[in-house]
Amino acid sequence: MKLVRTEDAAGQVLCHDITQIIKGVTKDAVFRKGHIITEDDIPVLLSVGKDNIYIWENDETMMHENDAAEILCAICKGENMSRGEVKEGKIELKAECDGVLRIDRKRLMAVNSFGQMMIAARHGDFPVRKGDKLAGTRIIPLVIEKDKMEQVKALCGSDPIMNVIPYKECNVGIVTTGNEVFYGRIKDTFTLVVQAKVECCGAEVTGHRITNDNNENIENCIRELLDAGCDMILCTGGMSVDPDDKTPLAIRNVCGNVVTYGAPVLPGAMFCLAYYGENNIPVMGLPGCVMYAKRTIFDLVLPRIMTGEILHKEDFDRLGEGGLCLNCEVCTFPNCGFGK
């Protein structure tokens, strides 16, 4: 790469894209890498502030920004992801299906700590839709040592840093608890809310039971839905610490070990998760906030579980920072700070 006066650059080969920025009008390349500069191009180059221009000189030890971006893209791109064309040394990655973005944070940090290169991504462990932008890659200088790119390839190994994990087919059973609903004193408004949320992840509600606040009856309802082949059980109501709230006890009696009863998230502190049997069928207790709040812990947990991920207590403990929903007037979740 060599720097020459623009007026003397006719016949030379550009070694990078030349971008023109006009506020509110355009931000795009007026010339691309590899373009052979003509006399007519010189006034255009001067008009975008290029009094001097970098031209390409062959150097076997160096790699151009576009070629380096291809390597970073290959390091990132995993299952169910598509890539755009290289443009001004950058490549963008998008989702090819609905699902959850999974990121190897340790290796992402390693690349971004390496120097002279970057991968910018949206938060992992959150739902994405087909066509959503996921990440962008580029090196910082126009050229970089080939050896450095080989080193980062070796550091990251053969597995991609990112994958979009699609939702699995899932038959969901709902157990609605509460004397007030069971005896017809109030209308059940909880079930429809939960059903709408699981259907957004491609699941289908195939079983529904309504029971009073007797823990043995709740247990029987859970077991009936498990025997009916449900892949996930959601219990609504009866999740507080009041003596007559029996849902957590029923979940524990059916499943044995409980992953968590309680989480550092508001709304949703009284959430419960357990797994049943060798197939690790998730059984959840949903606090009342799921019925009336726009977003709760259920929105953070459900997409991940719908991909087949097995969650542990540590996954919930990490939610404390970012676990406060601000209840914005216009909800933009998951494009907000909730859960991040």
C-alpha atoms as a PDB file:
ATOM      1  CA  MET A   1       0.000   0.000   0.000  1.00  0.00           C
ATOM      2  CA  LYS A   2       1.407   3.359  -1.028  1.00  0.00           C
ATOM      3  CA  LEU A   3       0.180   6.918  -0.477  1.00  0.00           C
ATOM      4  CA  VAL A   4       0.209   9.179  -3.558  1.00  0.00           C
ATOM      5  CA  ARG A   5      -1.208  12.592  -4.465  1.00  0.00           C
ATOM      6  CA  THR A   6      -4.694  12.211  -5.904  1.00  0.00           C
ATOM      7  CA  GLU A   7      -3.796  14.365  -8.920  1.00  0.00           C
ATOM      8  CA  ASP A   8      -1.048  11.823  -9.745  1.00  0.00           C
ATOM      9  CA  ALA A   9      -3.163   8.686  -9.180  1.00  0.00           C
ATOM     10  CA  ALA A  10      -4.595   8.119 -12.677  1.00  0.00           C
ATOM     11  CA  GLY A  11      -3.991   4.521 -13.752  1.00  0.00           C
ATOM     12  CA  GLN A  12      -3.405   3.292 -10.197  1.00  0.00           C
ATOM     13  CA  VAL A  13      -5.488   0.658  -8.395  1.00  0.00           C
ATOM     14  CA  LEU A  14      -7.484   1.613  -5.298  1.00  0.00           C
ATOM     15  CA  CYS A  15      -6.737  -0.602  -2.321  1.00  0.00           C
ATOM     16  CA  HIS A  16      -9.889   0.263  -0.356  1.00  0.00           C
ATOM     17  CA  ASP A  17     -13.424   1.531  -0.852  1.00  0.00           C
ATOM     18  CA  ILE A  18     -13.890   5.293  -0.988  1.00  0.00           C
ATOM     19  CA  THR A  19     -16.985   6.383   0.918  1.00  0.00           C
ATOM     20  CA  GLN A  20     -19.075   9.482   0.334  1.00  0.00           C
ATOM     21  CA  ILE A  21     -21.196  10.764   3.232  1.00  0.00           C
ATOM     22  CA  ILE A  22     -23.881  13.395   2.668  1.00  0.00           C
ATOM     23  CA  LYS A  23     -26.094  13.794   5.731  1.00  0.00           C
ATOM     24  CA  GLY A  24     -29.634  12.709   5.031  1.00  0.00           C
ATOM     25  CA  VAL A  25     -28.757  11.735   1.454  1.00  0.00           C
ATOM     26  CA  THR A  26     -26.168   8.983   1.195  1.00  0.00           C
ATOM     27  CA  LYS A  27     -23.436   6.997   2.881  1.00  0.00           C
ATOM     28  CA  ASP A  28     -21.988   4.626   0.333  1.00  0.00           C
ATOM     29  CA  ALA A  29     -18.890   3.828  -1.644  1.00  0.00           C
ATOM     30  CA  VAL A  30     -18.330   5.950  -4.743  1.00  0.00           C
ATOM     31  CA  PHE A  31     -15.406   3.717  -5.741  1.00  0.00           C
ATOM     32  CA  ARG A  32     -14.675   0.133  -4.737  1.00  0.00           C
ATOM     33  CA  LYS A  33     -11.452  -1.640  -3.925  1.00  0.00           C
ATOM     34  CA  GLY A  34      -9.709  -2.654  -7.141  1.00  0.00           C
ATOM     35  CA  HIS A  35     -11.065   0.279  -9.140  1.00  0.00           C
ATOM     36  CA  ILE A  36      -8.562   1.667 -11.645  1.00  0.00           C
ATOM     37  CA  ILE A  37      -8.496   5.432 -11.222  1.00  0.00           C
ATOM     38  CA  THR A  38      -9.139   7.539 -14.306  1.00  0.00           C
ATOM     39  CA  GLU A  39      -8.607  11.249 -14.943  1.00  0.00           C
ATOM     40  CA  ASP A  40     -12.370  11.770 -14.630  1.00  0.00           C
ATOM     41  CA  ASP A  41     -12.321  10.177 -11.159  1.00  0.00           C
ATOM     42  CA  ILE A  42      -9.868  12.682  -9.697  1.00  0.00           C
ATOM     43  CA  PRO A  43     -12.378  15.572  -9.197  1.00  0.00           C
ATOM     44  CA  VAL A  44     -14.744  13.127  -7.482  1.00  0.00           C
ATOM     45  CA  LEU A  45     -12.001  11.914  -5.163  1.00  0.00           C
ATOM     46  CA  LEU A  46     -11.056  15.481  -4.308  1.00  0.00           C
ATOM     47  CA  SER A  47     -14.729  16.314  -3.608  1.00  0.00           C
ATOM     48  CA  VAL A  48     -14.874  13.629  -0.886  1.00  0.00           C
ATOM     49  CA  GLY A  49     -11.757  15.015   0.793  1.00  0.00           C
ATOM     50  CA  LYS A  50      -9.158  12.693  -0.698  1.00  0.00           C
ATOM     51  CA  ASP A  51      -6.194  14.953  -1.474  1.00  0.00           C
ATOM     52  CA  ASN A  52      -4.030  11.847  -1.189  1.00  0.00           C
ATOM     53  CA  ILE A  53      -4.999   8.284  -1.996  1.00  0.00           C
ATOM     54  CA  TYR A  54      -3.740   4.835  -1.069  1.00  0.00           C
ATOM     55  CA  ILE A  55      -2.925   2.602  -4.026  1.00  0.00           C
ATOM     56  CA  TRP A  56      -2.232  -1.096  -3.966  1.00  0.00           C
ATOM     57  CA  GLU A  57       1.292  -2.483  -3.907  1.00  0.00           C
ATOM     58  CA  ASN A  58       1.633  -6.231  -3.755  1.00  0.00           C
ATOM     59  CA  ASP A  59       3.007  -7.472  -0.421  1.00  0.00           C
ATOM     60  CA  GLU A  60       2.852 -11.196   0.305  1.00  0.00           C
ATOM     61  CA  THR A  61       3.064 -10.629   4.050  1.00  0.00           C
ATOM     62  CA  MET A  62      -0.027  -8.397   4.277  1.00  0.00           C
ATOM     63  CA  MET A  63      -3.755  -8.970   3.843  1.00  0.00           C
ATOM     64  CA  HIS A  64      -6.347  -6.479   2.638  1.00  0.00           C
ATOM     65  CA  GLU A  65      -9.244  -5.488   4.918  1.00  0.00           C
ATOM     66  CA  ASN A  66     -11.792  -7.256   2.733  1.00  0.00           C
ATOM     67  CA  ASP A  67      -9.908 -10.547   2.821  1.00  0.00           C
ATOM     68  CA  ALA A  68      -9.404 -10.241   6.578  1.00  0.00           C
ATOM     69  CA  ALA A  69     -13.119  -9.557   7.048  1.00  0.00           C
ATOM     70  CA  GLU A  70     -13.816 -12.842   5.244  1.00  0.00           C
ATOM     71  CA  ILE A  71     -11.731 -14.686   7.831  1.00  0.00           C
ATOM     72  CA  LEU A  72     -13.521 -13.018  10.732  1.00  0.00           C
ATOM     73  CA  CYS A  73     -16.859 -13.816   9.111  1.00  0.00           C
ATOM     74  CA  ALA A  74     -15.906 -17.494   8.799  1.00  0.00           C
ATOM     75  CA  ILE A  75     -14.872 -17.526  12.464  1.00  0.00           C
ATOM     76  CA  CYS A  76     -18.303 -16.210  13.467  1.00  0.00           C
ATOM     77  CA  LYS A  77     -20.777 -17.764  11.061  1.00  0.00           C
ATOM     78  CA  GLY A  78     -22.512 -20.850  12.383  1.00  0.00           C
ATOM     79  CA  GLU A  79     -25.785 -22.652  11.863  1.00  0.00           C
ATOM     80  CA  ASN A  80     -28.824 -20.815  10.494  1.00  0.00           C
ATOM     81  CA  MET A  81     -26.901 -17.657   9.663  1.00  0.00           C
ATOM     82  CA  SER A  82     -26.404 -15.884   6.333  1.00  0.00           C
ATOM     83  CA  ARG A  83     -23.824 -13.321   5.345  1.00  0.00           C
ATOM     84  CA  GLY A  84     -23.850 -10.175   3.266  1.00  0.00           C
ATOM     85  CA  GLU A  85     -21.343  -8.999   0.706  1.00  0.00           C
ATOM     86  CA  VAL A  86     -18.085  -7.499   1.908  1.00  0.00           C
ATOM     87  CA  LYS A  87     -18.444  -3.723   1.831  1.00  0.00           C
ATOM     88  CA  GLU A  88     -15.863  -1.181   2.954  1.00  0.00           C
ATOM     89  CA  GLY A  89     -14.068  -3.944   4.826  1.00  0.00           C
ATOM     90  CA  LYS A  90     -17.214  -5.061   6.689  1.00  0.00           C
ATOM     91  CA  ILE A  91     -19.436  -8.137   6.518  1.00  0.00           C
ATOM     92  CA  GLU A  92     -22.811  -8.413   8.234  1.00  0.00           C
ATOM     93  CA  LEU A  93     -24.425 -11.633   9.452  1.00  0.00           C
ATOM     94  CA  LYS A  94     -28.173 -12.224   9.649  1.00  0.00           C
ATOM     95  CA  ALA A  95     -30.502 -14.882  11.030  1.00  0.00           C
ATOM     96  CA  GLU A  96     -31.945 -17.401   8.594  1.00  0.00           C
ATOM     97  CA  CYS A  97     -34.684 -18.583  10.953  1.00  0.00           C
ATOM     98  CA  ASP A  98     -36.475 -17.718  14.178  1.00  0.00           C
ATOM     99  CA  GLY A  99     -34.642 -18.903  17.266  1.00  0.00           C
ATOM    100  CA  VAL A 100     -32.116 -17.876  19.897  1.00  0.00           C
ATOM    101  CA  LEU A 101     -28.668 -16.453  19.191  1.00  0.00           C
ATOM    102  CA  ARG A 102     -25.986 -18.433  21.003  1.00  0.00           C
ATOM    103  CA  ILE A 103     -22.533 -16.819  21.394  1.00  0.00           C
ATOM    104  CA  ASP A 104     -19.308 -18.258  22.767  1.00  0.00           C
ATOM    105  CA  ARG A 105     -18.493 -15.189  24.837  1.00  0.00           C
ATOM    106  CA  LYS A 106     -15.019 -16.360  25.812  1.00  0.00           C
ATOM    107  CA  ARG A 107     -13.864 -16.665  22.205  1.00  0.00           C
ATOM    108  CA  LEU A 108     -15.626 -13.456  21.175  1.00  0.00           C
ATOM    109  CA  MET A 109     -13.682 -11.645  23.877  1.00  0.00           C
ATOM    110  CA  ALA A 110     -10.471 -13.329  22.707  1.00  0.00           C
ATOM    111  CA  VAL A 111     -10.900 -12.011  19.158  1.00  0.00           C
ATOM    112  CA  ASN A 112     -11.769  -8.499  20.271  1.00  0.00           C
ATOM    113  CA  SER A 113      -8.794  -8.501  22.660  1.00  0.00           C
ATOM    114  CA  PHE A 114      -6.407  -9.583  19.916  1.00  0.00           C
ATOM    115  CA  GLY A 115      -5.987  -6.098  18.493  1.00  0.00           C
ATOM    116  CA  GLN A 116      -6.605  -4.515  15.065  1.00  0.00           C
ATOM    117  CA  MET A 117      -9.819  -6.463  14.512  1.00  0.00           C
ATOM    118  CA  MET A 118     -13.365  -6.495  15.824  1.00  0.00           C
ATOM    119  CA  ILE A 119     -16.591  -8.468  15.945  1.00  0.00           C
ATOM    120  CA  ALA A 120     -19.672  -6.534  17.055  1.00  0.00           C
ATOM    121  CA  ALA A 121     -22.737  -8.637  17.910  1.00  0.00           C
ATOM    122  CA  ARG A 122     -26.139  -8.278  19.488  1.00  0.00           C
ATOM    123  CA  HIS A 123     -26.630  -9.958  22.863  1.00  0.00           C
ATOM    124  CA  GLY A 124     -26.603 -13.734  22.917  1.00  0.00           C
ATOM    125  CA  ASP A 125     -29.271 -15.879  24.614  1.00  0.00           C
ATOM    126  CA  PHE A 126     -32.041 -13.694  23.227  1.00  0.00           C
ATOM    127  CA  PRO A 127     -34.674 -14.422  20.586  1.00  0.00           C
ATOM    128  CA  VAL A 128     -34.087 -13.377  16.992  1.00  0.00           C
ATOM    129  CA  ARG A 129     -36.341 -13.422  13.964  1.00  0.00           C
ATOM    130  CA  LYS A 130     -35.488 -14.487  10.451  1.00  0.00           C
ATOM    131  CA  GLY A 131     -33.703 -11.597   8.749  1.00  0.00           C
ATOM    132  CA  ASP A 132     -32.515  -9.948  11.971  1.00  0.00           C
ATOM    133  CA  LYS A 133     -29.020  -8.473  11.899  1.00  0.00           C
ATOM    134  CA  LEU A 134     -26.762 -10.446  14.251  1.00  0.00           C
ATOM    135  CA  ALA A 135     -23.166  -9.257  13.914  1.00  0.00           C
ATOM    136  CA  GLY A 136     -20.634  -7.331  11.873  1.00  0.00           C
ATOM    137  CA  THR A 137     -16.915  -7.996  11.366  1.00  0.00           C
ATOM    138  CA  ARG A 138     -13.955  -5.993  10.156  1.00  0.00           C
ATOM    139  CA  ILE A 139     -10.310  -5.207  10.819  1.00  0.00           C
ATOM    140  CA  ILE A 140      -9.386  -1.708  11.970  1.00  0.00           C
ATOM    141  CA  PRO A 141      -6.530  -0.826   9.539  1.00  0.00           C
ATOM    142  CA  LEU A 142      -6.729  -1.118   5.751  1.00  0.00           C
ATOM    143  CA  VAL A 143      -4.253  -3.994   5.759  1.00  0.00           C
ATOM    144  CA  ILE A 144      -3.091  -6.431   8.405  1.00  0.00           C
ATOM    145  CA  GLU A 145      -0.340  -9.024   8.724  1.00  0.00           C
ATOM    146  CA  LYS A 146      -1.359 -12.393   7.311  1.00  0.00           C
ATOM    147  CA  ASP A 147       0.336 -14.090  10.254  1.00  0.00           C
ATOM    148  CA  LYS A 148      -1.944 -12.250  12.652  1.00  0.00           C
ATOM    149  CA  MET A 149      -5.061 -13.512  10.903  1.00  0.00           C
ATOM    150  CA  GLU A 150      -3.681 -17.044  10.944  1.00  0.00           C
ATOM    151  CA  GLN A 151      -3.074 -16.713  14.674  1.00  0.00           C
ATOM    152  CA  VAL A 152      -6.644 -15.645  15.380  1.00  0.00           C
ATOM    153  CA  LYS A 153      -7.952 -18.517  13.238  1.00  0.00           C
ATOM    154  CA  ALA A 154      -5.909 -20.964  15.292  1.00  0.00           C
ATOM    155  CA  LEU A 155      -7.052 -19.323  18.527  1.00  0.00           C
ATOM    156  CA  CYS A 156     -10.733 -19.745  17.664  1.00  0.00           C
ATOM    157  CA  GLY A 157     -10.549 -23.273  16.301  1.00  0.00           C
ATOM    158  CA  SER A 158     -12.953 -24.834  13.819  1.00  0.00           C
ATOM    159  CA  ASP A 159     -16.253 -24.320  15.649  1.00  0.00           C
ATOM    160  CA  PRO A 160     -18.065 -21.042  14.914  1.00  0.00           C
ATOM    161  CA  ILE A 161     -18.406 -18.452  17.650  1.00  0.00           C
ATOM    162  CA  MET A 162     -22.119 -17.931  16.922  1.00  0.00           C
ATOM    163  CA  ASN A 163     -25.123 -20.069  16.043  1.00  0.00           C
ATOM    164  CA  VAL A 164     -28.833 -19.450  15.756  1.00  0.00           C
ATOM    165  CA  ILE A 165     -30.570 -22.313  17.530  1.00  0.00           C
ATOM    166  CA  PRO A 166     -34.083 -22.851  16.118  1.00  0.00           C
ATOM    167  CA  TYR A 167     -37.069 -23.537  18.334  1.00  0.00           C
ATOM    168  CA  LYS A 168     -38.037 -27.183  18.756  1.00  0.00           C
ATOM    169  CA  GLU A 169     -41.522 -28.494  18.182  1.00  0.00           C
ATOM    170  CA  CYS A 170     -43.176 -28.554  21.572  1.00  0.00           C
ATOM    171  CA  ASN A 171     -46.490 -29.691  23.022  1.00  0.00           C
ATOM    172  CA  VAL A 172     -47.228 -27.543  26.050  1.00  0.00           C
ATOM    173  CA  GLY A 173     -49.476 -28.390  28.960  1.00  0.00           C
ATOM    174  CA  ILE A 174     -50.891 -25.660  31.207  1.00  0.00           C
ATOM    175  CA  VAL A 175     -52.048 -26.192  34.771  1.00  0.00           C
ATOM    176  CA  THR A 176     -54.172 -23.278  35.987  1.00  0.00           C
ATOM    177  CA  THR A 177     -54.315 -23.196  39.773  1.00  0.00           C
ATOM    178  CA  GLY A 178     -56.412 -21.203  42.212  1.00  0.00           C
ATOM    179  CA  ASN A 179     -59.632 -21.715  44.131  1.00  0.00           C
ATOM    180  CA  GLU A 180     -61.042 -18.505  42.672  1.00  0.00           C
ATOM    181  CA  VAL A 181     -60.740 -19.850  39.123  1.00  0.00           C
ATOM    182  CA  PHE A 182     -61.565 -23.484  39.916  1.00  0.00           C
ATOM    183  CA  TYR A 183     -64.831 -22.597  41.628  1.00  0.00           C
ATOM    184  CA  GLY A 184     -65.792 -20.072  38.944  1.00  0.00           C
ATOM    185  CA  ARG A 185     -65.531 -16.972  41.107  1.00  0.00           C
ATOM    186  CA  ILE A 186     -63.383 -15.179  38.512  1.00  0.00           C
ATOM    187  CA  LYS A 187     -62.600 -15.736  34.855  1.00  0.00           C
ATOM    188  CA  ASP A 188     -59.297 -17.376  33.909  1.00  0.00           C
ATOM    189  CA  THR A 189     -57.313 -14.645  32.128  1.00  0.00           C
ATOM    190  CA  PHE A 190     -53.880 -16.164  32.765  1.00  0.00           C
ATOM    191  CA  THR A 191     -54.040 -19.068  30.316  1.00  0.00           C
ATOM    192  CA  LEU A 192     -54.580 -16.982  27.188  1.00  0.00           C
ATOM    193  CA  VAL A 193     -51.577 -14.803  27.999  1.00  0.00           C
ATOM    194  CA  VAL A 194     -49.313 -17.818  28.452  1.00  0.00           C
ATOM    195  CA  GLN A 195     -50.672 -19.510  25.345  1.00  0.00           C
ATOM    196  CA  ALA A 196     -49.906 -16.454  23.216  1.00  0.00           C
ATOM    197  CA  LYS A 197     -46.305 -16.336  24.469  1.00  0.00           C
ATOM    198  CA  VAL A 198     -45.558 -20.009  23.767  1.00  0.00           C
ATOM    199  CA  GLU A 199     -47.153 -19.798  20.326  1.00  0.00           C
ATOM    200  CA  CYS A 200     -44.744 -16.966  19.462  1.00  0.00           C
ATOM    201  CA  CYS A 201     -41.988 -19.552  19.857  1.00  0.00           C
ATOM    202  CA  GLY A 202     -43.751 -22.048  17.619  1.00  0.00           C
ATOM    203  CA  ALA A 203     -45.174 -24.232  20.412  1.00  0.00           C
ATOM    204  CA  GLU A 204     -48.715 -25.563  20.692  1.00  0.00           C
ATOM    205  CA  VAL A 205     -50.834 -25.891  23.809  1.00  0.00           C
ATOM    206  CA  THR A 206     -52.175 -29.449  23.700  1.00  0.00           C
ATOM    207  CA  GLY A 207     -53.365 -29.880  27.254  1.00  0.00           C
ATOM    208  CA  HIS A 208     -55.018 -27.741  29.937  1.00  0.00           C
ATOM    209  CA  ARG A 209     -56.117 -28.507  33.471  1.00  0.00           C
ATOM    210  CA  ILE A 210     -57.754 -26.277  36.090  1.00  0.00           C
ATOM    211  CA  THR A 211     -57.416 -27.179  39.752  1.00  0.00           C
ATOM    212  CA  ASN A 212     -57.850 -25.709  43.205  1.00  0.00           C
ATOM    213  CA  ASP A 213     -55.006 -24.876  45.567  1.00  0.00           C
ATOM    214  CA  ASN A 214     -54.583 -28.419  46.895  1.00  0.00           C
ATOM    215  CA  ASN A 215     -51.023 -29.501  46.177  1.00  0.00           C
ATOM    216  CA  GLU A 216     -52.008 -33.132  45.561  1.00  0.00           C
ATOM    217  CA  ASN A 217     -54.515 -32.053  42.946  1.00  0.00           C
ATOM    218  CA  ILE A 218     -51.890 -29.856  41.299  1.00  0.00           C
ATOM    219  CA  GLU A 219     -49.487 -32.804  41.270  1.00  0.00           C
ATOM    220  CA  ASN A 220     -52.114 -35.035  39.668  1.00  0.00           C
ATOM    221  CA  CYS A 221     -52.731 -32.460  36.937  1.00  0.00           C
ATOM    222  CA  ILE A 222     -49.011 -32.189  36.189  1.00  0.00           C
ATOM    223  CA  ARG A 223     -48.693 -35.978  35.993  1.00  0.00           C
ATOM    224  CA  GLU A 224     -51.736 -36.271  33.716  1.00  0.00           C
ATOM    225  CA  LEU A 225     -50.197 -33.828  31.252  1.00  0.00           C
ATOM    226  CA  LEU A 226     -46.836 -35.601  31.404  1.00  0.00           C
ATOM    227  CA  ASP A 227     -48.566 -38.931  30.721  1.00  0.00           C
ATOM    228  CA  ALA A 228     -50.381 -37.280  27.804  1.00  0.00           C
ATOM    229  CA  GLY A 229     -47.020 -36.561  26.153  1.00  0.00           C
ATOM    230  CA  CYS A 230     -46.530 -32.867  26.890  1.00  0.00           C
ATOM    231  CA  ASP A 231     -42.959 -31.647  26.357  1.00  0.00           C
ATOM    232  CA  MET A 232     -43.319 -28.719  28.771  1.00  0.00           C
ATOM    233  CA  ILE A 233     -45.601 -27.984  31.722  1.00  0.00           C
ATOM    234  CA  LEU A 234     -46.501 -24.451  32.795  1.00  0.00           C
ATOM    235  CA  CYS A 235     -48.249 -23.922  36.116  1.00  0.00           C
ATOM    236  CA  THR A 236     -49.950 -20.573  36.584  1.00  0.00           C
ATOM    237  CA  GLY A 237     -50.746 -19.088  39.980  1.00  0.00           C
ATOM    238  CA  GLY A 238     -50.034 -20.066  43.553  1.00  0.00           C
ATOM    239  CA  MET A 239     -46.371 -19.050  43.385  1.00  0.00           C
ATOM    240  CA  SER A 240     -45.995 -16.675  46.346  1.00  0.00           C
ATOM    241  CA  VAL A 241     -44.854 -17.526  49.869  1.00  0.00           C
ATOM    242  CA  ASP A 242     -48.394 -17.444  51.255  1.00  0.00           C
ATOM    243  CA  PRO A 243     -49.246 -20.651  53.168  1.00  0.00           C
ATOM    244  CA  ASP A 244     -52.061 -21.485  50.743  1.00  0.00           C
ATOM    245  CA  ASP A 245     -49.854 -21.199  47.633  1.00  0.00           C
ATOM    246  CA  LYS A 246     -48.988 -24.826  46.909  1.00  0.00           C
ATOM    247  CA  THR A 247     -47.653 -24.782  43.352  1.00  0.00           C
ATOM    248  CA  PRO A 248     -43.910 -24.833  44.216  1.00  0.00           C
ATOM    249  CA  LEU A 249     -44.488 -27.777  46.566  1.00  0.00           C
ATOM    250  CA  ALA A 250     -46.383 -29.671  43.882  1.00  0.00           C
ATOM    251  CA  ILE A 251     -43.616 -29.071  41.321  1.00  0.00           C
ATOM    252  CA  ARG A 252     -40.992 -30.271  43.797  1.00  0.00           C
ATOM    253  CA  ASN A 253     -42.977 -33.394  44.660  1.00  0.00           C
ATOM    254  CA  VAL A 254     -43.368 -34.339  40.996  1.00  0.00           C
ATOM    255  CA  CYS A 255     -39.880 -33.469  39.749  1.00  0.00           C
ATOM    256  CA  GLY A 256     -37.625 -33.937  42.768  1.00  0.00           C
ATOM    257  CA  ASN A 257     -34.829 -31.407  42.448  1.00  0.00           C
ATOM    258  CA  VAL A 258     -35.796 -27.837  41.598  1.00  0.00           C
ATOM    259  CA  VAL A 259     -33.344 -25.732  39.588  1.00  0.00           C
ATOM    260  CA  THR A 260     -34.576 -22.520  41.151  1.00  0.00           C
ATOM    261  CA  TYR A 261     -37.470 -21.143  43.109  1.00  0.00           C
ATOM    262  CA  GLY A 262     -36.837 -17.434  43.008  1.00  0.00           C
ATOM    263  CA  ALA A 263     -34.712 -15.343  40.652  1.00  0.00           C
ATOM    264  CA  PRO A 264     -33.127 -11.845  40.727  1.00  0.00           C
ATOM    265  CA  VAL A 265     -35.556 -10.492  38.132  1.00  0.00           C
ATOM    266  CA  LEU A 266     -38.403  -7.995  38.424  1.00  0.00           C
ATOM    267  CA  PRO A 267     -41.077  -8.705  37.385  1.00  0.00           C
ATOM    268  CA  GLY A 268     -40.801 -12.422  38.100  1.00  0.00           C
ATOM    269  CA  ALA A 269     -38.921 -12.974  41.338  1.00  0.00           C
ATOM    270  CA  MET A 270     -41.148 -15.910  42.373  1.00  0.00           C
ATOM    271  CA  PHE A 271     -40.455 -17.955  39.234  1.00  0.00           C
ATOM    272  CA  CYS A 272     -39.821 -21.700  39.587  1.00  0.00           C
ATOM    273  CA  LEU A 273     -38.109 -24.152  37.228  1.00  0.00           C
ATOM    274  CA  ALA A 274     -37.592 -27.889  37.571  1.00  0.00           C
ATOM    275  CA  TYR A 275     -36.951 -30.756  35.145  1.00  0.00           C
ATOM    276  CA  TYR A 276     -38.803 -34.053  35.117  1.00  0.00           C
ATOM    277  CA  GLY A 277     -37.321 -37.429  34.292  1.00  0.00           C
ATOM    278  CA  GLU A 278     -34.519 -38.581  32.049  1.00  0.00           C
ATOM    279  CA  ASN A 279     -35.811 -36.468  29.165  1.00  0.00           C
ATOM    280  CA  ASN A 280     -35.496 -33.304  31.234  1.00  0.00           C
ATOM    281  CA  ILE A 281     -39.037 -32.102  30.602  1.00  0.00           C
ATOM    282  CA  PRO A 282     -39.216 -28.516  31.928  1.00  0.00           C
ATOM    283  CA  VAL A 283     -41.875 -27.802  34.532  1.00  0.00           C
ATOM    284  CA  MET A 284     -42.303 -24.135  35.391  1.00  0.00           C
ATOM    285  CA  GLY A 285     -44.248 -22.205  37.982  1.00  0.00           C
ATOM    286  CA  LEU A 286     -45.237 -18.782  36.654  1.00  0.00           C
ATOM    287  CA  PRO A 287     -45.892 -15.940  39.114  1.00  0.00           C
ATOM    288  CA  GLY A 288     -48.910 -13.698  38.660  1.00  0.00           C
ATOM    289  CA  CYS A 289     -46.893 -10.893  37.039  1.00  0.00           C
ATOM    290  CA  VAL A 290     -46.698 -12.958  33.841  1.00  0.00           C
ATOM    291  CA  MET A 291     -50.430 -12.354  33.453  1.00  0.00           C
ATOM    292  CA  TYR A 292     -50.342  -8.547  33.550  1.00  0.00           C
ATOM    293  CA  ALA A 293     -46.779  -7.267  32.980  1.00  0.00           C
ATOM    294  CA  LYS A 294     -45.536  -6.665  29.435  1.00  0.00           C
ATOM    295  CA  ARG A 295     -42.269  -8.517  29.992  1.00  0.00           C
ATOM    296  CA  THR A 296     -41.128 -10.752  32.841  1.00  0.00           C
ATOM    297  CA  ILE A 297     -38.634 -13.466  33.599  1.00  0.00           C
ATOM    298  CA  PHE A 298     -40.779 -15.819  31.513  1.00  0.00           C
ATOM    299  CA  ASP A 299     -39.798 -13.852  28.387  1.00  0.00           C
ATOM    300  CA  LEU A 300     -36.117 -14.301  29.270  1.00  0.00           C
ATOM    301  CA  VAL A 301     -36.372 -18.012  29.985  1.00  0.00           C
ATOM    302  CA  LEU A 302     -38.942 -19.393  27.540  1.00  0.00           C
ATOM    303  CA  PRO A 303     -37.031 -18.861  24.247  1.00  0.00           C
ATOM    304  CA  ARG A 304     -33.915 -20.558  25.615  1.00  0.00           C
ATOM    305  CA  ILE A 305     -35.849 -23.531  26.917  1.00  0.00           C
ATOM    306  CA  MET A 306     -37.698 -23.769  23.605  1.00  0.00           C
ATOM    307  CA  THR A 307     -34.361 -24.462  21.869  1.00  0.00           C
ATOM    308  CA  GLY A 308     -33.722 -27.410  24.180  1.00  0.00           C
ATOM    309  CA  GLU A 309     -31.185 -25.630  26.375  1.00  0.00           C
ATOM    310  CA  ILE A 310     -30.960 -26.988  29.925  1.00  0.00           C
ATOM    311  CA  LEU A 311     -30.745 -24.082  32.348  1.00  0.00           C
ATOM    312  CA  HIS A 312     -28.915 -24.159  35.680  1.00  0.00           C
ATOM    313  CA  LYS A 313     -29.087 -22.010  38.776  1.00  0.00           C
ATOM    314  CA  GLU A 314     -26.034 -20.042  37.629  1.00  0.00           C
ATOM    315  CA  ASP A 315     -27.960 -18.942  34.528  1.00  0.00           C
ATOM    316  CA  PHE A 316     -30.529 -17.296  36.782  1.00  0.00           C
ATOM    317  CA  ASP A 317     -27.984 -15.810  39.169  1.00  0.00           C
ATOM    318  CA  ARG A 318     -26.399 -13.924  36.234  1.00  0.00           C
ATOM    319  CA  LEU A 319     -29.696 -12.200  35.474  1.00  0.00           C
ATOM    320  CA  GLY A 320     -29.424  -9.841  38.447  1.00  0.00           C
ATOM    321  CA  GLU A 321     -27.554  -7.212  36.421  1.00  0.00           C
ATOM    322  CA  GLY A 322     -30.128  -6.174  33.841  1.00  0.00           C
ATOM    323  CA  GLY A 323     -32.890  -8.062  35.595  1.00  0.00           C
ATOM    324  CA  LEU A 324     -34.964  -4.950  36.274  1.00  0.00           C
ATOM    325  CA  CYS A 325     -37.582  -4.213  33.632  1.00  0.00           C
ATOM    326  CA  LEU A 326     -38.148  -0.463  33.356  1.00  0.00           C
ATOM    327  CA  ASN A 327     -41.730  -0.941  32.148  1.00  0.00           C
ATOM    328  CA  CYS A 328     -41.243   1.500  29.294  1.00  0.00           C
ATOM    329  CA  GLU A 329     -44.368   3.064  27.846  1.00  0.00           C
ATOM    330  CA  VAL A 330     -43.424   1.619  24.452  1.00  0.00           C
ATOM    331  CA  CYS A 331     -41.938  -1.855  24.895  1.00  0.00           C
ATOM    332  CA  THR A 332     -39.042  -2.639  22.534  1.00  0.00           C
ATOM    333  CA  PHE A 333     -38.000  -5.979  24.045  1.00  0.00           C
ATOM    334  CA  PRO A 334     -35.705  -7.731  23.210  1.00  0.00           C
ATOM    335  CA  ASN A 335     -34.039  -4.565  21.867  1.00  0.00           C
ATOM    336  CA  CYS A 336     -33.602  -3.099  25.329  1.00  0.00           C
ATOM    337  CA  GLY A 337     -31.570  -3.639  28.500  1.00  0.00           C
ATOM    338  CA  PHE A 338     -33.908  -6.121  30.189  1.00  0.00           C
ATOM    339  CA  GLY A 339     -32.006  -9.286  31.017  1.00  0.00           C
ATOM    340  CA  LYS A 340     -28.680  -7.948  29.697  1.00  0.00           C
END
